[in-house]
Each structure stands twice: as C-alpha cells, then as structure tokens.
C-alpha cells in the first residue's frame, strides 16, 4: 500500500491518496469533492482511493487563490 498527500491546485483542499497495487481498480478519474477539478485519471491497474482531509478556506468570492496565482 502506498500513501500520499495531495493538494488540489485550484481550491487548495488537502486529500489523502491510497493506492493498492495488489488489487485492480476501475478505469476513470477522480475530481476534487470541493471544486470538481480533475485530480487524477486511472487506468484500472491499481485500486486508488481519496479522502478529503483539509477543507479549503473560503473568501467572499469563493476559494482563496493558490500561492502561485496570487498577485503581489
């Protein structure tokens, strides 16, 4: 089993990603449960699961921008 932490590039939500290489999964993709941004596409060779661990902060216009997209 492989564990990783993933951050959505759009809304900055934090997710835990689990991958089992001994169990086959399904073809498809996973989107962020907060903003619906596609985070990963699967080929079905492994079972991959995600869990939301950090809810992003919101401002009056929606989500806070990522650090790389903030203007100085």
PDB file of N, CA and C in Angstrom:
ATOM      1  N   UNK A   1       0.854  -1.179   0.000  1.00  0.00           N
ATOM      2  CA  UNK A   1       0.000   0.000   0.000  1.00  0.00           C
ATOM      3  C   UNK A   1       0.896   1.237   0.000  1.00  0.00           C
ATOM      4  N   UNK A   2       0.480   2.224  -0.779  1.00  0.00           N
ATOM      5  CA  UNK A   2       1.217   3.476  -0.891  1.00  0.00           C
ATOM      6  C   UNK A   2       0.301   4.616  -0.455  1.00  0.00           C
ATOM      7  N   UNK A   3       0.787   5.510   0.422  1.00  0.00           N
ATOM      8  CA  UNK A   3       0.002   6.650   0.900  1.00  0.00           C
ATOM      9  C   UNK A   3       0.686   7.945   0.495  1.00  0.00           C
ATOM     10  N   UNK A   4      -0.095   8.899   0.031  1.00  0.00           N
ATOM     11  CA  UNK A   4       0.419  10.221  -0.331  1.00  0.00           C
ATOM     12  C   UNK A   4      -0.588  11.278   0.078  1.00  0.00           C
ATOM     13  N   UNK A   5      -0.099  12.487   0.283  1.00  0.00           N
ATOM     14  CA  UNK A   5      -0.965  13.639   0.494  1.00  0.00           C
ATOM     15  C   UNK A   5      -1.006  14.424  -0.810  1.00  0.00           C
ATOM     16  N   UNK A   6      -2.205  14.832  -1.211  1.00  0.00           N
ATOM     17  CA  UNK A   6      -2.424  15.541  -2.465  1.00  0.00           C
ATOM     18  C   UNK A   6      -3.118  16.857  -2.147  1.00  0.00           C
ATOM     19  N   UNK A   7      -2.749  17.921  -2.858  1.00  0.00           N
ATOM     20  CA  UNK A   7      -3.400  19.215  -2.713  1.00  0.00           C
ATOM     21  C   UNK A   7      -4.024  19.608  -4.035  1.00  0.00           C
ATOM     22  N   UNK A   8      -5.290  19.984  -4.005  1.00  0.00           N
ATOM     23  CA  UNK A   8      -5.970  20.435  -5.213  1.00  0.00           C
ATOM     24  C   UNK A   8      -5.328  21.751  -5.663  1.00  0.00           C
ATOM     25  N   UNK A   9      -4.938  21.846  -6.937  1.00  0.00           N
ATOM     26  CA  UNK A   9      -4.292  23.077  -7.397  1.00  0.00           C
ATOM     27  C   UNK A   9      -5.243  24.268  -7.497  1.00  0.00           C
ATOM     28  N   UNK A  10      -6.536  24.020  -7.553  1.00  0.00           N
ATOM     29  CA  UNK A  10      -7.494  25.115  -7.700  1.00  0.00           C
ATOM     30  C   UNK A  10      -7.965  25.671  -6.352  1.00  0.00           C
ATOM     31  N   UNK A  11      -8.472  24.823  -5.471  1.00  0.00           N
ATOM     32  CA  UNK A  11      -9.065  25.306  -4.215  1.00  0.00           C
ATOM     33  C   UNK A  11      -8.194  25.053  -2.996  1.00  0.00           C
ATOM     34  N   UNK A  12      -7.068  24.349  -3.168  1.00  0.00           N
ATOM     35  CA  UNK A  12      -6.107  24.057  -2.088  1.00  0.00           C
ATOM     36  C   UNK A  12      -6.633  23.069  -1.049  1.00  0.00           C
ATOM     37  N   UNK A  13      -7.654  22.290  -1.380  1.00  0.00           N
ATOM     38  CA  UNK A  13      -8.131  21.242  -0.474  1.00  0.00           C
ATOM     39  C   UNK A  13      -7.040  20.186  -0.319  1.00  0.00           C
ATOM     40  N   UNK A  14      -6.927  19.623   0.872  1.00  0.00           N
ATOM     41  CA  UNK A  14      -5.958  18.564   1.126  1.00  0.00           C
ATOM     42  C   UNK A  14      -6.640  17.216   1.113  1.00  0.00           C
ATOM     43  N   UNK A  15      -6.040  16.253   0.436  1.00  0.00           N
ATOM     44  CA  UNK A  15      -6.601  14.913   0.329  1.00  0.00           C
ATOM     45  C   UNK A  15      -5.540  13.870   0.628  1.00  0.00           C
ATOM     46  N   UNK A  16      -5.961  12.735   1.154  1.00  0.00           N
ATOM     47  CA  UNK A  16      -5.086  11.584   1.345  1.00  0.00           C
ATOM     48  C   UNK A  16      -5.368  10.625   0.190  1.00  0.00           C
ATOM     49  N   UNK A  17      -4.312  10.171  -0.469  1.00  0.00           N
ATOM     50  CA  UNK A  17      -4.424   9.245  -1.592  1.00  0.00           C
ATOM     51  C   UNK A  17      -3.849   7.900  -1.164  1.00  0.00           C
ATOM     52  N   UNK A  18      -4.634   6.845  -1.330  1.00  0.00           N
ATOM     53  CA  UNK A  18      -4.198   5.485  -1.023  1.00  0.00           C
ATOM     54  C   UNK A  18      -4.189   4.676  -2.309  1.00  0.00           C
ATOM     55  N   UNK A  19      -3.134   3.896  -2.504  1.00  0.00           N
ATOM     56  CA  UNK A  19      -3.004   3.080  -3.707  1.00  0.00           C
ATOM     57  C   UNK A  19      -2.647   1.655  -3.322  1.00  0.00           C
ATOM     58  N   UNK A  20      -3.425   0.705  -3.823  1.00  0.00           N
ATOM     59  CA  UNK A  20      -3.160  -0.715  -3.597  1.00  0.00           C
ATOM     60  C   UNK A  20      -2.780  -1.341  -4.933  1.00  0.00           C
ATOM     61  N   UNK A  21      -1.547  -1.772  -5.064  1.00  0.00           N
ATOM     62  CA  UNK A  21      -1.095  -2.344  -6.332  1.00  0.00           C
ATOM     63  C   UNK A  21      -1.481  -3.810  -6.486  1.00  0.00           C
ATOM     64  N   UNK A  22      -1.872  -4.464  -5.399  1.00  0.00           N
ATOM     65  CA  UNK A  22      -2.241  -5.881  -5.475  1.00  0.00           C
ATOM     66  C   UNK A  22      -3.716  -6.076  -5.814  1.00  0.00           C
ATOM     67  N   UNK A  23      -4.495  -4.985  -5.836  1.00  0.00           N
ATOM     68  CA  UNK A  23      -5.923  -5.056  -6.155  1.00  0.00           C
ATOM     69  C   UNK A  23      -6.170  -4.208  -7.392  1.00  0.00           C
ATOM     70  N   UNK A  24      -6.874  -4.770  -8.378  1.00  0.00           N
ATOM     71  CA  UNK A  24      -7.185  -3.987  -9.568  1.00  0.00           C
ATOM     72  C   UNK A  24      -8.356  -3.060  -9.286  1.00  0.00           C
ATOM     73  N   UNK A  25      -8.345  -1.911  -9.939  1.00  0.00           N
ATOM     74  CA  UNK A  25      -9.402  -0.925  -9.776  1.00  0.00           C
ATOM     75  C   UNK A  25     -10.229  -0.811 -11.039  1.00  0.00           C
ATOM     76  N   UNK A  26     -10.768   0.369 -11.271  1.00  0.00           N
ATOM     77  CA  UNK A  26     -11.584   0.634 -12.452  1.00  0.00           C
ATOM     78  C   UNK A  26     -10.982   1.795 -13.239  1.00  0.00           C
ATOM     79  N   UNK A  27     -11.242   1.805 -14.552  1.00  0.00           N
ATOM     80  CA  UNK A  27     -10.866   2.951 -15.371  1.00  0.00           C
ATOM     81  C   UNK A  27     -11.723   4.137 -14.953  1.00  0.00           C
ATOM     82  N   UNK A  28     -11.171   5.333 -15.050  1.00  0.00           N
ATOM     83  CA  UNK A  28     -11.953   6.517 -14.719  1.00  0.00           C
ATOM     84  C   UNK A  28     -11.064   7.626 -14.209  1.00  0.00           C
ATOM     85  N   UNK A  29     -11.661   8.548 -13.481  1.00  0.00           N
ATOM     86  CA  UNK A  29     -10.907   9.671 -12.946  1.00  0.00           C
ATOM     87  C   UNK A  29     -11.493  10.075 -11.597  1.00  0.00           C
ATOM     88  N   UNK A  30     -10.719  10.875 -10.852  1.00  0.00           N
ATOM     89  CA  UNK A  30     -11.179  11.385  -9.566  1.00  0.00           C
ATOM     90  C   UNK A  30     -11.118  12.902  -9.615  1.00  0.00           C
ATOM     91  N   UNK A  31     -12.190  13.545  -9.173  1.00  0.00           N
ATOM     92  CA  UNK A  31     -12.266  15.004  -9.123  1.00  0.00           C
ATOM     93  C   UNK A  31     -12.360  15.457  -7.678  1.00  0.00           C
ATOM     94  N   UNK A  32     -11.837  16.651  -7.416  1.00  0.00           N
ATOM     95  CA  UNK A  32     -11.892  17.233  -6.088  1.00  0.00           C
ATOM     96  C   UNK A  32     -13.349  17.343  -5.640  1.00  0.00           C
ATOM     97  N   UNK A  33     -13.687  16.883  -4.427  1.00  0.00           N
ATOM     98  CA  UNK A  33     -15.071  16.958  -3.963  1.00  0.00           C
ATOM     99  C   UNK A  33     -15.522  18.382  -3.632  1.00  0.00           C
ATOM    100  N   UNK A  34     -14.588  19.326  -3.565  1.00  0.00           N
ATOM    101  CA  UNK A  34     -14.928  20.702  -3.233  1.00  0.00           C
ATOM    102  C   UNK A  34     -15.187  21.535  -4.488  1.00  0.00           C
ATOM    103  N   UNK A  35     -14.264  21.478  -5.464  1.00  0.00           N
ATOM    104  CA  UNK A  35     -14.376  22.356  -6.636  1.00  0.00           C
ATOM    105  C   UNK A  35     -14.524  21.611  -7.955  1.00  0.00           C
ATOM    106  N   UNK A  36     -14.502  20.293  -7.935  1.00  0.00           N
ATOM    107  CA  UNK A  36     -14.728  19.443  -9.101  1.00  0.00           C
ATOM    108  C   UNK A  36     -13.578  19.464 -10.115  1.00  0.00           C
ATOM    109  N   UNK A  37     -12.383  19.872  -9.718  1.00  0.00           N
ATOM    110  CA  UNK A  37     -11.214  19.826 -10.585  1.00  0.00           C
ATOM    111  C   UNK A  37     -10.715  18.392 -10.679  1.00  0.00           C
ATOM    112  N   UNK A  38     -10.450  17.896 -11.879  1.00  0.00           N
ATOM    113  CA  UNK A  38      -9.925  16.545 -12.046  1.00  0.00           C
ATOM    114  C   UNK A  38      -8.515  16.481 -11.481  1.00  0.00           C
ATOM    115  N   UNK A  39      -8.299  15.530 -10.577  1.00  0.00           N
ATOM    116  CA  UNK A  39      -7.003  15.385  -9.925  1.00  0.00           C
ATOM    117  C   UNK A  39      -6.181  14.235 -10.492  1.00  0.00           C
ATOM    118  N   UNK A  40      -6.852  13.185 -10.964  1.00  0.00           N
ATOM    119  CA  UNK A  40      -6.110  12.029 -11.478  1.00  0.00           C
ATOM    120  C   UNK A  40      -7.015  11.185 -12.360  1.00  0.00           C
ATOM    121  N   UNK A  41      -6.417  10.596 -13.386  1.00  0.00           N
ATOM    122  CA  UNK A  41      -7.115   9.624 -14.237  1.00  0.00           C
ATOM    123  C   UNK A  41      -6.527   8.247 -13.938  1.00  0.00           C
ATOM    124  N   UNK A  42      -7.383   7.218 -13.931  1.00  0.00           N
ATOM    125  CA  UNK A  42      -6.962   5.858 -13.590  1.00  0.00           C
ATOM    126  C   UNK A  42      -7.036   4.957 -14.815  1.00  0.00           C
ATOM    127  N   UNK A  43      -6.109   4.000 -14.886  1.00  0.00           N
ATOM    128  CA  UNK A  43      -6.148   3.015 -15.971  1.00  0.00           C
ATOM    129  C   UNK A  43      -6.668   1.659 -15.500  1.00  0.00           C
ATOM    130  N   UNK A  44      -6.950   1.520 -14.206  1.00  0.00           N
ATOM    131  CA  UNK A  44      -7.534   0.293 -13.673  1.00  0.00           C
ATOM    132  C   UNK A  44      -6.534  -0.751 -13.229  1.00  0.00           C
ATOM    133  N   UNK A  45      -5.241  -0.493 -13.361  1.00  0.00           N
ATOM    134  CA  UNK A  45      -4.246  -1.486 -12.949  1.00  0.00           C
ATOM    135  C   UNK A  45      -4.074  -1.555 -11.440  1.00  0.00           C
ATOM    136  N   UNK A  46      -4.482  -0.494 -10.728  1.00  0.00           N
ATOM    137  CA  UNK A  46      -4.381  -0.441  -9.268  1.00  0.00           C
ATOM    138  C   UNK A  46      -5.668   0.140  -8.691  1.00  0.00           C
ATOM    139  N   UNK A  47      -5.941  -0.165  -7.456  1.00  0.00           N
ATOM    140  CA  UNK A  47      -7.069   0.433  -6.759  1.00  0.00           C
ATOM    141  C   UNK A  47      -6.576   1.713  -6.080  1.00  0.00           C
ATOM    142  N   UNK A  48      -7.204   2.839  -6.395  1.00  0.00           N
ATOM    143  CA  UNK A  48      -6.819   4.132  -5.834  1.00  0.00           C
ATOM    144  C   UNK A  48      -8.030   4.736  -5.144  1.00  0.00           C
ATOM    145  N   UNK A  49      -7.821   5.257  -3.933  1.00  0.00           N
ATOM    146  CA  UNK A  49      -8.902   5.890  -3.172  1.00  0.00           C
ATOM    147  C   UNK A  49      -8.406   7.221  -2.621  1.00  0.00           C
ATOM    148  N   UNK A  50      -9.311   8.191  -2.530  1.00  0.00           N
ATOM    149  CA  UNK A  50      -9.006   9.511  -1.987  1.00  0.00           C
ATOM    150  C   UNK A  50      -9.930   9.809  -0.816  1.00  0.00           C
ATOM    151  N   UNK A  51      -9.437  10.622   0.126  1.00  0.00           N
ATOM    152  CA  UNK A  51     -10.244  11.084   1.256  1.00  0.00           C
ATOM    153  C   UNK A  51      -9.899  12.539   1.523  1.00  0.00           C
ATOM    154  N   UNK A  52     -10.915  13.384   1.648  1.00  0.00           N
ATOM    155  CA  UNK A  52     -10.710  14.795   1.962  1.00  0.00           C
ATOM    156  C   UNK A  52     -10.216  14.911   3.397  1.00  0.00           C
ATOM    157  N   UNK A  53      -9.069  15.576   3.598  1.00  0.00           N
ATOM    158  CA  UNK A  53      -8.508  15.713   4.938  1.00  0.00           C
ATOM    159  C   UNK A  53      -8.448  17.167   5.407  1.00  0.00           C
ATOM    160  N   UNK A  54      -8.360  18.125   4.465  1.00  0.00           N
ATOM    161  CA  UNK A  54      -8.297  19.542   4.827  1.00  0.00           C
ATOM    162  C   UNK A  54      -9.249  20.321   3.941  1.00  0.00           C
ATOM    163  N   UNK A  55     -10.279  20.899   4.556  1.00  0.00           N
ATOM    164  CA  UNK A  55     -11.234  21.739   3.839  1.00  0.00           C
ATOM    165  C   UNK A  55     -10.564  23.073   3.520  1.00  0.00           C
ATOM    166  N   UNK A  56     -10.659  23.580   2.279  1.00  0.00           N
ATOM    167  CA  UNK A  56     -10.006  24.850   1.960  1.00  0.00           C
ATOM    168  C   UNK A  56     -10.715  26.032   2.601  1.00  0.00           C
ATOM    169  N   UNK A  57      -9.967  27.126   2.777  1.00  0.00           N
ATOM    170  CA  UNK A  57     -10.544  28.360   3.297  1.00  0.00           C
ATOM    171  C   UNK A  57     -11.304  29.058   2.184  1.00  0.00           C
ATOM    172  N   UNK A  58     -12.379  29.759   2.542  1.00  0.00           N
ATOM    173  CA  UNK A  58     -13.164  30.497   1.555  1.00  0.00           C
ATOM    174  C   UNK A  58     -13.077  31.983   1.848  1.00  0.00           C
ATOM    175  N   UNK A  59     -13.099  32.775   0.779  1.00  0.00           N
ATOM    176  CA  UNK A  59     -13.203  34.220   0.953  1.00  0.00           C
ATOM    177  C   UNK A  59     -14.553  34.650   0.366  1.00  0.00           C
ATOM    178  N   UNK A  60     -14.818  35.916   0.276  1.00  0.00           N
ATOM    179  CA  UNK A  60     -16.119  36.409  -0.187  1.00  0.00           C
ATOM    180  C   UNK A  60     -16.411  36.015  -1.629  1.00  0.00           C
ATOM    181  N   UNK A  61     -15.385  35.815  -2.433  1.00  0.00           N
ATOM    182  CA  UNK A  61     -15.576  35.481  -3.850  1.00  0.00           C
ATOM    183  C   UNK A  61     -15.460  33.993  -4.133  1.00  0.00           C
ATOM    184  N   UNK A  62     -15.234  33.192  -3.138  1.00  0.00           N
ATOM    185  CA  UNK A  62     -15.069  31.751  -3.347  1.00  0.00           C
ATOM    186  C   UNK A  62     -13.871  31.266  -2.565  1.00  0.00           C
ATOM    187  N   UNK A  63     -13.029  30.479  -3.198  1.00  0.00           N
ATOM    188  CA  UNK A  63     -11.868  29.906  -2.529  1.00  0.00           C
ATOM    189  C   UNK A  63     -10.689  30.852  -2.623  1.00  0.00           C
ATOM    190  N   UNK A  64      -9.808  30.771  -1.637  1.00  0.00           N
ATOM    191  CA  UNK A  64      -8.581  31.558  -1.689  1.00  0.00           C
ATOM    192  C   UNK A  64      -7.748  31.061  -2.850  1.00  0.00           C
ATOM    193  N   UNK A  65      -7.115  31.946  -3.588  1.00  0.00           N
ATOM    194  CA  UNK A  65      -6.284  31.506  -4.706  1.00  0.00           C
ATOM    195  C   UNK A  65      -5.061  30.764  -4.206  1.00  0.00           C
ATOM    196  N   UNK A  66      -4.524  29.902  -5.068  1.00  0.00           N
ATOM    197  CA  UNK A  66      -3.314  29.195  -4.696  1.00  0.00           C
ATOM    198  C   UNK A  66      -2.169  30.194  -4.622  1.00  0.00           C
ATOM    199  N   UNK A  67      -1.124  29.849  -3.904  1.00  0.00           N
ATOM    200  CA  UNK A  67       0.002  30.762  -3.712  1.00  0.00           C
ATOM    201  C   UNK A  67       0.635  31.160  -5.038  1.00  0.00           C
ATOM    202  N   UNK A  68       0.671  30.241  -5.991  1.00  0.00           N
ATOM    203  CA  UNK A  68       1.314  30.541  -7.259  1.00  0.00           C
ATOM    204  C   UNK A  68       0.495  31.501  -8.116  1.00  0.00           C
ATOM    205  N   UNK A  69      -0.805  31.638  -7.852  1.00  0.00           N
ATOM    206  CA  UNK A  69      -1.637  32.504  -8.674  1.00  0.00           C
ATOM    207  C   UNK A  69      -1.979  33.839  -8.002  1.00  0.00           C
ATOM    208  N   UNK A  70      -1.496  34.061  -6.787  1.00  0.00           N
ATOM    209  CA  UNK A  70      -1.742  35.332  -6.096  1.00  0.00           C
ATOM    210  C   UNK A  70      -0.897  36.434  -6.715  1.00  0.00           C
ATOM    211  N   UNK A  71      -1.487  37.575  -6.892  1.00  0.00           N
ATOM    212  CA  UNK A  71      -0.713  38.709  -7.396  1.00  0.00           C
ATOM    213  C   UNK A  71      -0.075  39.455  -6.232  1.00  0.00           C
ATOM    214  N   UNK A  72       1.076  40.032  -6.487  1.00  0.00           N
ATOM    215  CA  UNK A  72       1.839  40.690  -5.416  1.00  0.00           C
ATOM    216  C   UNK A  72       1.635  42.186  -5.489  1.00  0.00           C
TER     217      UNK A  72
END
